[in-house]
Amino acid sequence: PASVSPLPNQDVIQLVKSFLQATSKYFSDEFLPVTNRQMKQTWRYLRRPVREGKATELDVEATIRHNANQGILLNPVVIPAKKNRAELLLLIDQDGSMVPFHGLSHRLAETALRGGRLGRTGIYYFHNCPVEYLYRDNYHQQGELVNDIITYVCSRRTAVLIFSDAGAARGGYSDERYQLTQEFLTRLQQRVDYIAWLNPMPKKRWFDTAAGEISSLVPMFEVSKPGLQDAISLLRGRPTNFEGRRK
């Protein structure tokens, strides 16, 4: 029989993309490790409440103290209402070994934007690891310098969530991927306080790959309801059972 020539790597990626786009409408939340509803509910826990704006909310305790000190009923004490000023920077690994997870990353981004009720959300894409540019679109056309994003987009209010297999999908260890990721995380940690990593591959696949080494640099969680909840809890500055699971 005649031999069949393998498709070039880019053709394989495009073929898988086309298949996923054509069949995505037939998949339901039942096939996902985290449903849309669970994502939306979990995003709402990412809060940094700040009182600002016009004073419209009654401060009951302050009003009682003020009236007790004065001995007569005076005007109530009002304060500005709380607003969620949590800022999210969502960084999504795209293409290559992440093609099978495009649908999941799309839902993660969509629920963060529409259901998170966050103060500000920035979504950027990269391939394998951020080096010089991050991209506003998943086709990698609208690039912005990593240095500019870290300097002008990030602040102490910013929580960073990275969605990537970190090399676990294909297996094997890439020292280059580890080193480049380490350099990026080091720069990022100088600007933000909270970074978490969501890995769509199960934890048992991280060992002997770059993912296993990267998980020692930044808290890494499996994509599941408990994993997403722990990641968001960490981004809020709250304790998680992350350390317990790593032992």
C-alpha atoms as a PDB file:
ATOM      1  CA  PRO A   1       0.000   0.000   0.000  1.00  0.00           C
ATOM      2  CA  ALA A   2       1.129   3.542  -0.689  1.00  0.00           C
ATOM      3  CA  SER A   3       2.533   5.379   2.306  1.00  0.00           C
ATOM      4  CA  VAL A   4       0.656   8.368   3.675  1.00  0.00           C
ATOM      5  CA  SER A   5       2.738  11.471   4.353  1.00  0.00           C
ATOM      6  CA  PRO A   6       2.116  12.983   7.789  1.00  0.00           C
ATOM      7  CA  LEU A   7       0.587  16.432   7.933  1.00  0.00           C
ATOM      8  CA  PRO A   8       2.900  19.302   8.900  1.00  0.00           C
ATOM      9  CA  ASN A   9       2.583  20.316  12.545  1.00  0.00           C
ATOM     10  CA  GLN A  10       0.774  23.583  11.752  1.00  0.00           C
ATOM     11  CA  ASP A  11      -1.720  21.724   9.548  1.00  0.00           C
ATOM     12  CA  VAL A  12      -2.463  19.319  12.386  1.00  0.00           C
ATOM     13  CA  ILE A  13      -3.070  22.220  14.748  1.00  0.00           C
ATOM     14  CA  GLN A  14      -5.382  23.917  12.241  1.00  0.00           C
ATOM     15  CA  LEU A  15      -7.244  20.639  11.661  1.00  0.00           C
ATOM     16  CA  VAL A  16      -7.822  20.164  15.383  1.00  0.00           C
ATOM     17  CA  LYS A  17      -8.917  23.796  15.727  1.00  0.00           C
ATOM     18  CA  SER A  18     -11.451  23.397  12.926  1.00  0.00           C
ATOM     19  CA  PHE A  19     -12.788  20.219  14.474  1.00  0.00           C
ATOM     20  CA  LEU A  20     -13.172  21.832  17.883  1.00  0.00           C
ATOM     21  CA  GLN A  21     -14.947  24.849  16.415  1.00  0.00           C
ATOM     22  CA  ALA A  22     -17.313  22.660  14.406  1.00  0.00           C
ATOM     23  CA  THR A  23     -18.190  20.388  17.318  1.00  0.00           C
ATOM     24  CA  SER A  24     -18.095  22.803  20.273  1.00  0.00           C
ATOM     25  CA  LYS A  25     -21.866  23.371  20.176  1.00  0.00           C
ATOM     26  CA  TYR A  26     -22.420  19.670  20.833  1.00  0.00           C
ATOM     27  CA  PHE A  27     -20.416  19.651  24.064  1.00  0.00           C
ATOM     28  CA  SER A  28     -22.037  20.528  27.366  1.00  0.00           C
ATOM     29  CA  ASP A  29     -20.740  21.374  30.806  1.00  0.00           C
ATOM     30  CA  GLU A  30     -20.892  17.668  31.645  1.00  0.00           C
ATOM     31  CA  PHE A  31     -17.658  17.175  29.697  1.00  0.00           C
ATOM     32  CA  LEU A  32     -15.794  19.953  31.513  1.00  0.00           C
ATOM     33  CA  PRO A  33     -13.913  19.640  34.824  1.00  0.00           C
ATOM     34  CA  VAL A  34     -15.527  22.943  35.900  1.00  0.00           C
ATOM     35  CA  THR A  35     -18.938  24.085  34.640  1.00  0.00           C
ATOM     36  CA  ASN A  36     -19.781  27.599  33.504  1.00  0.00           C
ATOM     37  CA  ARG A  37     -21.911  28.135  36.561  1.00  0.00           C
ATOM     38  CA  GLN A  38     -19.135  26.985  38.910  1.00  0.00           C
ATOM     39  CA  MET A  39     -16.668  29.310  37.164  1.00  0.00           C
ATOM     40  CA  LYS A  40     -18.983  32.314  37.521  1.00  0.00           C
ATOM     41  CA  GLN A  41     -19.674  31.539  41.179  1.00  0.00           C
ATOM     42  CA  THR A  42     -15.972  31.147  41.968  1.00  0.00           C
ATOM     43  CA  TRP A  43     -14.926  34.355  40.180  1.00  0.00           C
ATOM     44  CA  ARG A  44     -17.308  36.309  42.420  1.00  0.00           C
ATOM     45  CA  TYR A  45     -15.154  35.434  45.425  1.00  0.00           C
ATOM     46  CA  LEU A  46     -12.280  37.423  43.945  1.00  0.00           C
ATOM     47  CA  ARG A  47     -12.990  40.670  45.751  1.00  0.00           C
ATOM     48  CA  ARG A  48     -11.017  43.657  47.050  1.00  0.00           C
ATOM     49  CA  PRO A  49     -13.756  45.907  48.465  1.00  0.00           C
ATOM     50  CA  VAL A  50     -12.907  49.608  48.663  1.00  0.00           C
ATOM     51  CA  ARG A  51     -15.155  52.394  49.948  1.00  0.00           C
ATOM     52  CA  GLU A  52     -15.213  55.240  47.482  1.00  0.00           C
ATOM     53  CA  GLY A  53     -17.530  57.767  45.889  1.00  0.00           C
ATOM     54  CA  LYS A  54     -20.452  59.625  47.412  1.00  0.00           C
ATOM     55  CA  ALA A  55     -21.421  58.794  51.006  1.00  0.00           C
ATOM     56  CA  THR A  56     -24.726  56.929  50.734  1.00  0.00           C
ATOM     57  CA  GLU A  57     -24.470  53.995  53.146  1.00  0.00           C
ATOM     58  CA  LEU A  58     -25.419  54.188  56.825  1.00  0.00           C
ATOM     59  CA  ASP A  59     -22.625  53.401  59.258  1.00  0.00           C
ATOM     60  CA  VAL A  60     -24.691  51.992  62.120  1.00  0.00           C
ATOM     61  CA  GLU A  61     -21.861  51.584  64.649  1.00  0.00           C
ATOM     62  CA  ALA A  62     -20.426  55.052  64.025  1.00  0.00           C
ATOM     63  CA  THR A  63     -23.902  56.585  64.271  1.00  0.00           C
ATOM     64  CA  ILE A  64     -24.566  54.894  67.625  1.00  0.00           C
ATOM     65  CA  ARG A  65     -21.192  55.980  69.015  1.00  0.00           C
ATOM     66  CA  HIS A  66     -21.677  59.544  67.804  1.00  0.00           C
ATOM     67  CA  ASN A  67     -25.156  59.823  69.300  1.00  0.00           C
ATOM     68  CA  ALA A  68     -24.009  58.250  72.584  1.00  0.00           C
ATOM     69  CA  ASN A  69     -21.200  60.788  72.891  1.00  0.00           C
ATOM     70  CA  GLN A  70     -23.460  63.736  72.086  1.00  0.00           C
ATOM     71  CA  GLY A  71     -26.385  62.534  74.175  1.00  0.00           C
ATOM     72  CA  ILE A  72     -28.890  63.556  71.520  1.00  0.00           C
ATOM     73  CA  LEU A  73     -30.041  62.213  68.185  1.00  0.00           C
ATOM     74  CA  LEU A  74     -28.073  63.995  65.470  1.00  0.00           C
ATOM     75  CA  ASN A  75     -27.668  63.306  61.782  1.00  0.00           C
ATOM     76  CA  PRO A  76     -26.713  59.703  60.972  1.00  0.00           C
ATOM     77  CA  VAL A  77     -23.145  58.937  59.892  1.00  0.00           C
ATOM     78  CA  VAL A  78     -22.994  57.911  56.248  1.00  0.00           C
ATOM     79  CA  ILE A  79     -20.041  56.491  54.351  1.00  0.00           C
ATOM     80  CA  PRO A  80     -19.301  55.579  50.711  1.00  0.00           C
ATOM     81  CA  ALA A  81     -20.530  52.173  49.536  1.00  0.00           C
ATOM     82  CA  LYS A  82     -18.030  49.376  48.955  1.00  0.00           C
ATOM     83  CA  LYS A  83     -16.971  48.681  45.382  1.00  0.00           C
ATOM     84  CA  ASN A  84     -15.027  45.694  44.158  1.00  0.00           C
ATOM     85  CA  ARG A  85     -11.666  46.971  42.932  1.00  0.00           C
ATOM     86  CA  ALA A  86     -10.058  43.578  42.400  1.00  0.00           C
ATOM     87  CA  GLU A  87      -7.998  43.575  39.197  1.00  0.00           C
ATOM     88  CA  LEU A  88      -7.437  40.344  37.298  1.00  0.00           C
ATOM     89  CA  LEU A  89      -4.740  39.654  34.727  1.00  0.00           C
ATOM     90  CA  LEU A  90      -5.602  36.351  33.006  1.00  0.00           C
ATOM     91  CA  LEU A  91      -2.768  34.912  30.898  1.00  0.00           C
ATOM     92  CA  ILE A  92      -3.759  32.068  28.577  1.00  0.00           C
ATOM     93  CA  ASP A  93      -1.406  29.667  26.803  1.00  0.00           C
ATOM     94  CA  GLN A  94      -2.650  29.172  23.235  1.00  0.00           C
ATOM     95  CA  ASP A  95      -1.978  26.698  20.386  1.00  0.00           C
ATOM     96  CA  GLY A  96       0.392  23.752  20.307  1.00  0.00           C
ATOM     97  CA  SER A  97      -0.354  21.304  23.112  1.00  0.00           C
ATOM     98  CA  MET A  98      -3.029  23.692  24.423  1.00  0.00           C
ATOM     99  CA  VAL A  99      -5.292  23.290  21.350  1.00  0.00           C
ATOM    100  CA  PRO A 100      -7.478  20.624  23.049  1.00  0.00           C
ATOM    101  CA  PHE A 101      -8.105  23.076  25.890  1.00  0.00           C
ATOM    102  CA  HIS A 102      -9.127  26.091  23.801  1.00  0.00           C
ATOM    103  CA  GLY A 103     -12.789  25.581  24.631  1.00  0.00           C
ATOM    104  CA  LEU A 104     -12.010  25.484  28.337  1.00  0.00           C
ATOM    105  CA  SER A 105      -9.810  28.587  28.183  1.00  0.00           C
ATOM    106  CA  HIS A 106     -12.511  30.440  26.225  1.00  0.00           C
ATOM    107  CA  ARG A 107     -15.080  29.704  28.934  1.00  0.00           C
ATOM    108  CA  LEU A 108     -12.638  30.696  31.636  1.00  0.00           C
ATOM    109  CA  ALA A 109     -12.071  34.065  29.953  1.00  0.00           C
ATOM    110  CA  GLU A 110     -15.755  34.613  29.167  1.00  0.00           C
ATOM    111  CA  THR A 111     -16.943  33.907  32.710  1.00  0.00           C
ATOM    112  CA  ALA A 112     -14.237  36.172  34.161  1.00  0.00           C
ATOM    113  CA  LEU A 113     -15.385  39.038  31.928  1.00  0.00           C
ATOM    114  CA  ARG A 114     -19.136  38.599  32.191  1.00  0.00           C
ATOM    115  CA  GLY A 115     -19.702  36.896  35.500  1.00  0.00           C
ATOM    116  CA  GLY A 116     -16.781  37.933  37.669  1.00  0.00           C
ATOM    117  CA  ARG A 117     -18.045  41.408  38.646  1.00  0.00           C
ATOM    118  CA  LEU A 118     -14.423  42.474  38.966  1.00  0.00           C
ATOM    119  CA  GLY A 119     -13.019  45.967  39.067  1.00  0.00           C
ATOM    120  CA  ARG A 120     -10.892  45.399  35.957  1.00  0.00           C
ATOM    121  CA  THR A 121     -10.031  42.349  33.876  1.00  0.00           C
ATOM    122  CA  GLY A 122      -7.208  42.080  31.347  1.00  0.00           C
ATOM    123  CA  ILE A 123      -6.867  38.951  29.192  1.00  0.00           C
ATOM    124  CA  TYR A 124      -3.715  38.209  27.217  1.00  0.00           C
ATOM    125  CA  TYR A 125      -2.492  35.210  25.225  1.00  0.00           C
ATOM    126  CA  PHE A 126       0.924  33.643  24.730  1.00  0.00           C
ATOM    127  CA  HIS A 127       2.468  30.460  23.359  1.00  0.00           C
ATOM    128  CA  ASN A 128       4.366  28.149  25.730  1.00  0.00           C
ATOM    129  CA  CYS A 129       5.702  30.983  27.894  1.00  0.00           C
ATOM    130  CA  PRO A 130       5.655  34.788  27.812  1.00  0.00           C
ATOM    131  CA  VAL A 131       8.946  36.100  26.468  1.00  0.00           C
ATOM    132  CA  GLU A 132       8.820  39.518  24.823  1.00  0.00           C
ATOM    133  CA  TYR A 133       5.150  39.968  23.917  1.00  0.00           C
ATOM    134  CA  LEU A 134       1.703  39.133  25.234  1.00  0.00           C
ATOM    135  CA  TYR A 135      -1.265  39.329  22.875  1.00  0.00           C
ATOM    136  CA  ARG A 136      -4.751  40.753  23.314  1.00  0.00           C
ATOM    137  CA  ASP A 137      -6.172  38.304  20.755  1.00  0.00           C
ATOM    138  CA  ASN A 138      -5.869  34.543  20.479  1.00  0.00           C
ATOM    139  CA  TYR A 139      -4.445  34.863  16.939  1.00  0.00           C
ATOM    140  CA  HIS A 140      -1.359  36.629  18.306  1.00  0.00           C
ATOM    141  CA  GLN A 141      -1.790  39.709  16.136  1.00  0.00           C
ATOM    142  CA  GLN A 142      -2.262  42.490  18.719  1.00  0.00           C
ATOM    143  CA  GLY A 143       0.953  42.295  20.689  1.00  0.00           C
ATOM    144  CA  GLU A 144       2.058  44.349  23.661  1.00  0.00           C
ATOM    145  CA  LEU A 145       5.473  44.304  25.273  1.00  0.00           C
ATOM    146  CA  VAL A 146       5.651  42.228  28.444  1.00  0.00           C
ATOM    147  CA  ASN A 147       7.625  45.011  30.123  1.00  0.00           C
ATOM    148  CA  ASP A 148       4.861  47.531  29.343  1.00  0.00           C
ATOM    149  CA  ILE A 149       2.149  45.254  30.739  1.00  0.00           C
ATOM    150  CA  ILE A 150       4.083  44.604  33.942  1.00  0.00           C
ATOM    151  CA  THR A 151       4.883  48.303  34.346  1.00  0.00           C
ATOM    152  CA  TYR A 152       1.621  49.974  33.339  1.00  0.00           C
ATOM    153  CA  VAL A 153      -1.125  47.335  33.648  1.00  0.00           C
ATOM    154  CA  CYS A 154      -0.083  45.547  36.838  1.00  0.00           C
ATOM    155  CA  SER A 155      -0.351  47.045  40.309  1.00  0.00           C
ATOM    156  CA  ARG A 156      -0.534  45.804  43.883  1.00  0.00           C
ATOM    157  CA  ARG A 157      -4.267  45.305  43.347  1.00  0.00           C
ATOM    158  CA  THR A 158      -3.652  42.975  40.406  1.00  0.00           C
ATOM    159  CA  ALA A 159      -4.125  39.234  40.815  1.00  0.00           C
ATOM    160  CA  VAL A 160      -2.518  37.147  38.064  1.00  0.00           C
ATOM    161  CA  LEU A 161      -3.906  33.794  36.934  1.00  0.00           C
ATOM    162  CA  ILE A 162      -1.957  31.778  34.351  1.00  0.00           C
ATOM    163  CA  PHE A 163      -3.690  29.003  32.382  1.00  0.00           C
ATOM    164  CA  SER A 164      -1.176  26.620  30.798  1.00  0.00           C
ATOM    165  CA  ASP A 165      -0.117  22.972  30.770  1.00  0.00           C
ATOM    166  CA  ALA A 166       3.475  24.193  31.389  1.00  0.00           C
ATOM    167  CA  GLY A 167       4.807  21.404  29.164  1.00  0.00           C
ATOM    168  CA  ALA A 168       2.961  18.567  30.919  1.00  0.00           C
ATOM    169  CA  ALA A 169       0.788  17.626  27.937  1.00  0.00           C
ATOM    170  CA  ARG A 170       3.661  16.465  25.749  1.00  0.00           C
ATOM    171  CA  GLY A 171       5.800  15.191  28.594  1.00  0.00           C
ATOM    172  CA  GLY A 172       9.547  15.498  28.856  1.00  0.00           C
ATOM    173  CA  TYR A 173      11.533  18.288  30.424  1.00  0.00           C
ATOM    174  CA  SER A 174      12.443  21.537  28.655  1.00  0.00           C
ATOM    175  CA  ASP A 175      15.105  23.529  30.451  1.00  0.00           C
ATOM    176  CA  GLU A 176      14.541  26.461  28.070  1.00  0.00           C
ATOM    177  CA  ARG A 177      10.834  26.596  28.922  1.00  0.00           C
ATOM    178  CA  TYR A 178      11.595  26.453  32.635  1.00  0.00           C
ATOM    179  CA  GLN A 179      14.245  29.191  32.453  1.00  0.00           C
ATOM    180  CA  LEU A 180      12.087  31.543  30.358  1.00  0.00           C
ATOM    181  CA  THR A 181       9.094  31.018  32.647  1.00  0.00           C
ATOM    182  CA  GLN A 182      11.251  31.591  35.732  1.00  0.00           C
ATOM    183  CA  GLU A 183      12.516  34.895  34.302  1.00  0.00           C
ATOM    184  CA  PHE A 184       8.982  36.043  33.520  1.00  0.00           C
ATOM    185  CA  LEU A 185       7.651  35.092  36.969  1.00  0.00           C
ATOM    186  CA  THR A 186      10.577  36.842  38.679  1.00  0.00           C
ATOM    187  CA  ARG A 187       9.760  40.098  36.880  1.00  0.00           C
ATOM    188  CA  LEU A 188       6.064  39.698  37.572  1.00  0.00           C
ATOM    189  CA  GLN A 189       6.581  39.009  41.288  1.00  0.00           C
ATOM    190  CA  GLN A 190       8.382  42.334  41.657  1.00  0.00           C
ATOM    191  CA  ARG A 191       5.140  44.082  40.710  1.00  0.00           C
ATOM    192  CA  VAL A 192       2.248  41.932  41.990  1.00  0.00           C
ATOM    193  CA  ASP A 193       1.627  40.094  45.241  1.00  0.00           C
ATOM    194  CA  TYR A 194      -0.544  37.181  44.150  1.00  0.00           C
ATOM    195  CA  ILE A 195       0.023  34.755  41.259  1.00  0.00           C
ATOM    196  CA  ALA A 196      -1.652  31.382  40.706  1.00  0.00           C
ATOM    197  CA  TRP A 197      -1.341  28.817  37.917  1.00  0.00           C
ATOM    198  CA  LEU A 198      -4.139  26.610  36.550  1.00  0.00           C
ATOM    199  CA  ASN A 199      -2.949  23.483  34.751  1.00  0.00           C
ATOM    200  CA  PRO A 200      -5.469  21.541  32.603  1.00  0.00           C
ATOM    201  CA  MET A 201      -3.338  18.390  32.923  1.00  0.00           C
ATOM    202  CA  PRO A 202      -3.759  16.189  36.030  1.00  0.00           C
ATOM    203  CA  LYS A 203      -1.068  16.556  38.665  1.00  0.00           C
ATOM    204  CA  LYS A 204       0.286  13.040  38.059  1.00  0.00           C
ATOM    205  CA  ARG A 205       1.373  14.227  34.599  1.00  0.00           C
ATOM    206  CA  TRP A 206       3.441  17.123  35.963  1.00  0.00           C
ATOM    207  CA  PHE A 207       6.318  15.017  37.247  1.00  0.00           C
ATOM    208  CA  ASP A 208       9.508  14.919  35.161  1.00  0.00           C
ATOM    209  CA  THR A 209       8.267  17.846  33.066  1.00  0.00           C
ATOM    210  CA  ALA A 210       8.772  21.608  33.189  1.00  0.00           C
ATOM    211  CA  ALA A 211       5.381  21.804  34.954  1.00  0.00           C
ATOM    212  CA  GLY A 212       6.772  19.979  37.974  1.00  0.00           C
ATOM    213  CA  GLU A 213       9.632  22.457  38.277  1.00  0.00           C
ATOM    214  CA  ILE A 214       7.460  25.504  37.601  1.00  0.00           C
ATOM    215  CA  SER A 215       5.054  24.385  40.343  1.00  0.00           C
ATOM    216  CA  SER A 216       7.877  25.035  42.811  1.00  0.00           C
ATOM    217  CA  LEU A 217       8.063  28.655  41.635  1.00  0.00           C
ATOM    218  CA  VAL A 218       4.359  29.519  41.816  1.00  0.00           C
ATOM    219  CA  PRO A 219       1.317  27.737  43.331  1.00  0.00           C
ATOM    220  CA  MET A 220      -0.088  25.445  40.633  1.00  0.00           C
ATOM    221  CA  PHE A 221      -3.540  23.854  40.689  1.00  0.00           C
ATOM    222  CA  GLU A 222      -5.388  21.311  38.586  1.00  0.00           C
ATOM    223  CA  VAL A 223      -8.386  22.569  36.618  1.00  0.00           C
ATOM    224  CA  SER A 224     -11.264  21.347  38.756  1.00  0.00           C
ATOM    225  CA  LYS A 225     -13.829  22.957  40.997  1.00  0.00           C
ATOM    226  CA  PRO A 226     -11.598  22.612  44.133  1.00  0.00           C
ATOM    227  CA  GLY A 227      -8.537  23.658  42.114  1.00  0.00           C
ATOM    228  CA  LEU A 228     -10.189  26.827  40.800  1.00  0.00           C
ATOM    229  CA  GLN A 229     -11.547  27.639  44.255  1.00  0.00           C
ATOM    230  CA  ASP A 230      -8.079  27.281  45.785  1.00  0.00           C
ATOM    231  CA  ALA A 231      -6.533  29.426  43.047  1.00  0.00           C
ATOM    232  CA  ILE A 232      -9.051  32.224  43.603  1.00  0.00           C
ATOM    233  CA  SER A 233      -8.646  31.950  47.377  1.00  0.00           C
ATOM    234  CA  LEU A 234      -4.890  32.399  46.958  1.00  0.00           C
ATOM    235  CA  LEU A 235      -5.426  35.395  44.666  1.00  0.00           C
ATOM    236  CA  ARG A 236      -7.517  36.959  47.446  1.00  0.00           C
ATOM    237  CA  GLY A 237      -4.646  36.511  49.866  1.00  0.00           C
ATOM    238  CA  ARG A 238      -6.485  33.791  51.756  1.00  0.00           C
ATOM    239  CA  PRO A 239      -5.000  30.467  52.944  1.00  0.00           C
ATOM    240  CA  THR A 240      -5.663  27.331  50.896  1.00  0.00           C
ATOM    241  CA  ASN A 241      -4.907  23.636  51.323  1.00  0.00           C
ATOM    242  CA  PHE A 242      -2.331  23.967  48.508  1.00  0.00           C
ATOM    243  CA  GLU A 243       0.651  23.171  50.741  1.00  0.00           C
ATOM    244  CA  GLY A 244      -1.108  20.156  52.202  1.00  0.00           C
ATOM    245  CA  ARG A 245      -1.804  18.723  48.756  1.00  0.00           C
ATOM    246  CA  ARG A 246       1.792  19.125  47.649  1.00  0.00           C
ATOM    247  CA  LYS A 247       3.228  16.999  50.460  1.00  0.00           C
END
